[in-house]
Amino acid sequence: MIKREHELKEIIKECNLLVKAERFDELMEYYTENTILAIKPGKIDRGKEGIKRAFIKIAQHYNHTIVPKKSRCNWLCVIDNSYGTSLIGSEEKV
């Protein structure tokens, strides 16, 4: 379990670097077409294109100075996966 936790932390670190560098095409490789991004209550974006547009707008809003960091708010990553963590990092398609 510790190895999986380390892998997940490395993925999050890589995504944060991609956000900071505004490399959104590469960032989208970590998302699926059925991903939902909750930006704030009542505002969500769906799918890779919707999420990419949201990141672009967020970058513009903050004058291209996004620096992901841990804040007082908690971010939640929700994975609905009845197969468990054994699929994380797997090349097998289900």
C-alpha atoms as a PDB file:
ATOM      1  CA  MET A   1       0.000   0.000   0.000  1.00  0.00           C
ATOM      2  CA  ILE A   2       2.877   2.385   0.751  1.00  0.00           C
ATOM      3  CA  LYS A   3       4.215   1.903  -2.789  1.00  0.00           C
ATOM      4  CA  ARG A   4       0.823   2.820  -4.285  1.00  0.00           C
ATOM      5  CA  GLU A   5       0.607   5.891  -2.031  1.00  0.00           C
ATOM      6  CA  HIS A   6       4.085   6.970  -3.182  1.00  0.00           C
ATOM      7  CA  GLU A   7       3.104   6.465  -6.845  1.00  0.00           C
ATOM      8  CA  LEU A   8      -0.034   8.550  -6.364  1.00  0.00           C
ATOM      9  CA  LYS A   9       1.929  11.345  -4.668  1.00  0.00           C
ATOM     10  CA  GLU A  10       4.367  11.373  -7.599  1.00  0.00           C
ATOM     11  CA  ILE A  11       1.493  11.651 -10.078  1.00  0.00           C
ATOM     12  CA  ILE A  12       0.027  14.563  -8.113  1.00  0.00           C
ATOM     13  CA  LYS A  13       3.458  16.236  -8.026  1.00  0.00           C
ATOM     14  CA  GLU A  14       3.802  15.822 -11.811  1.00  0.00           C
ATOM     15  CA  CYS A  15       0.314  17.234 -12.398  1.00  0.00           C
ATOM     16  CA  ASN A  16       1.105  20.248 -10.205  1.00  0.00           C
ATOM     17  CA  LEU A  17       4.235  20.916 -12.264  1.00  0.00           C
ATOM     18  CA  LEU A  18       2.227  20.671 -15.496  1.00  0.00           C
ATOM     19  CA  VAL A  19      -0.375  23.119 -14.140  1.00  0.00           C
ATOM     20  CA  LYS A  20       2.317  25.591 -13.109  1.00  0.00           C
ATOM     21  CA  ALA A  21       3.960  25.342 -16.545  1.00  0.00           C
ATOM     22  CA  GLU A  22       0.536  25.587 -18.238  1.00  0.00           C
ATOM     23  CA  ARG A  23       1.237  22.388 -20.165  1.00  0.00           C
ATOM     24  CA  PHE A  24      -2.440  21.505 -20.244  1.00  0.00           C
ATOM     25  CA  ASP A  25      -2.305  19.093 -23.195  1.00  0.00           C
ATOM     26  CA  GLU A  26       0.126  16.922 -21.237  1.00  0.00           C
ATOM     27  CA  LEU A  27      -1.938  17.358 -18.068  1.00  0.00           C
ATOM     28  CA  MET A  28      -4.990  15.932 -19.836  1.00  0.00           C
ATOM     29  CA  GLU A  29      -3.178  12.599 -20.169  1.00  0.00           C
ATOM     30  CA  TYR A  30      -3.961  12.118 -16.459  1.00  0.00           C
ATOM     31  CA  TYR A  31      -7.711  12.589 -16.984  1.00  0.00           C
ATOM     32  CA  THR A  32     -10.383  10.420 -18.601  1.00  0.00           C
ATOM     33  CA  GLU A  33     -13.245  11.544 -20.826  1.00  0.00           C
ATOM     34  CA  ASN A  34     -15.743  10.958 -18.010  1.00  0.00           C
ATOM     35  CA  THR A  35     -13.838  13.032 -15.453  1.00  0.00           C
ATOM     36  CA  ILE A  36     -15.739  15.740 -13.623  1.00  0.00           C
ATOM     37  CA  LEU A  37     -13.900  18.761 -12.184  1.00  0.00           C
ATOM     38  CA  ALA A  38     -15.784  20.621  -9.448  1.00  0.00           C
ATOM     39  CA  ILE A  39     -14.420  24.153  -9.565  1.00  0.00           C
ATOM     40  CA  LYS A  40     -16.793  25.648  -7.011  1.00  0.00           C
ATOM     41  CA  PRO A  41     -20.340  24.919  -5.867  1.00  0.00           C
ATOM     42  CA  GLY A  42     -22.565  24.921  -8.926  1.00  0.00           C
ATOM     43  CA  LYS A  43     -19.665  25.121 -11.406  1.00  0.00           C
ATOM     44  CA  ILE A  44     -18.336  21.910 -12.894  1.00  0.00           C
ATOM     45  CA  ASP A  45     -16.580  20.940 -16.103  1.00  0.00           C
ATOM     46  CA  ARG A  46     -16.624  17.518 -17.727  1.00  0.00           C
ATOM     47  CA  GLY A  47     -14.284  15.553 -19.954  1.00  0.00           C
ATOM     48  CA  LYS A  48     -10.787  16.369 -21.102  1.00  0.00           C
ATOM     49  CA  GLU A  49     -11.769  19.325 -23.279  1.00  0.00           C
ATOM     50  CA  GLY A  50     -13.988  20.892 -20.615  1.00  0.00           C
ATOM     51  CA  ILE A  51     -11.339  20.473 -17.941  1.00  0.00           C
ATOM     52  CA  LYS A  52      -8.617  21.833 -20.216  1.00  0.00           C
ATOM     53  CA  ARG A  53     -10.756  24.918 -20.954  1.00  0.00           C
ATOM     54  CA  ALA A  54     -11.279  25.367 -17.203  1.00  0.00           C
ATOM     55  CA  PHE A  55      -7.531  25.246 -16.519  1.00  0.00           C
ATOM     56  CA  ILE A  56      -6.903  27.789 -19.286  1.00  0.00           C
ATOM     57  CA  LYS A  57      -9.535  30.149 -17.837  1.00  0.00           C
ATOM     58  CA  ILE A  58      -8.139  29.700 -14.334  1.00  0.00           C
ATOM     59  CA  ALA A  59      -4.624  30.492 -15.592  1.00  0.00           C
ATOM     60  CA  GLN A  60      -5.923  33.615 -17.328  1.00  0.00           C
ATOM     61  CA  HIS A  61      -7.881  34.674 -14.243  1.00  0.00           C
ATOM     62  CA  TYR A  62      -4.729  34.458 -12.117  1.00  0.00           C
ATOM     63  CA  ASN A  63      -2.623  36.235 -14.751  1.00  0.00           C
ATOM     64  CA  HIS A  64      -0.650  33.071 -15.536  1.00  0.00           C
ATOM     65  CA  THR A  65       0.811  32.844 -12.037  1.00  0.00           C
ATOM     66  CA  ILE A  66      -0.711  29.566 -10.830  1.00  0.00           C
ATOM     67  CA  VAL A  67       1.472  27.814  -8.282  1.00  0.00           C
ATOM     68  CA  PRO A  68      -0.314  24.733  -6.920  1.00  0.00           C
ATOM     69  CA  LYS A  69       0.231  24.318  -3.216  1.00  0.00           C
ATOM     70  CA  LYS A  70      -1.487  22.819  -0.240  1.00  0.00           C
ATOM     71  CA  SER A  71      -4.034  25.216   1.092  1.00  0.00           C
ATOM     72  CA  ARG A  72      -6.428  25.304   4.010  1.00  0.00           C
ATOM     73  CA  CYS A  73      -9.060  23.807   1.717  1.00  0.00           C
ATOM     74  CA  ASN A  74      -8.952  20.084   1.136  1.00  0.00           C
ATOM     75  CA  TRP A  75      -8.918  18.741  -2.422  1.00  0.00           C
ATOM     76  CA  LEU A  76     -10.610  15.442  -2.955  1.00  0.00           C
ATOM     77  CA  CYS A  77      -9.817  12.996  -5.708  1.00  0.00           C
ATOM     78  CA  VAL A  78     -12.711  10.591  -6.089  1.00  0.00           C
ATOM     79  CA  ILE A  79     -12.145   7.332  -7.887  1.00  0.00           C
ATOM     80  CA  ASP A  80     -15.113   5.056  -8.438  1.00  0.00           C
ATOM     81  CA  ASN A  81     -13.316   1.788  -9.060  1.00  0.00           C
ATOM     82  CA  SER A  82     -14.849  -1.442  -7.842  1.00  0.00           C
ATOM     83  CA  TYR A  83     -11.678  -3.312  -8.828  1.00  0.00           C
ATOM     84  CA  GLY A  84      -9.570  -1.606  -6.153  1.00  0.00           C
ATOM     85  CA  THR A  85      -6.119  -0.091  -6.442  1.00  0.00           C
ATOM     86  CA  SER A  86      -4.733  -2.994  -8.460  1.00  0.00           C
ATOM     87  CA  LEU A  87      -5.693  -1.093 -11.638  1.00  0.00           C
ATOM     88  CA  ILE A  88      -3.691   2.033 -10.791  1.00  0.00           C
ATOM     89  CA  GLY A  89      -0.796   2.147 -13.224  1.00  0.00           C
ATOM     90  CA  SER A  90      -2.135  -0.848 -15.112  1.00  0.00           C
ATOM     91  CA  GLU A  91      -2.097  -0.815 -18.899  1.00  0.00           C
ATOM     92  CA  GLU A  92      -5.039  -3.217 -18.969  1.00  0.00           C
ATOM     93  CA  LYS A  93      -8.316  -1.699 -20.161  1.00  0.00           C
ATOM     94  CA  VAL A  94     -11.480  -2.721 -18.323  1.00  0.00           C
END
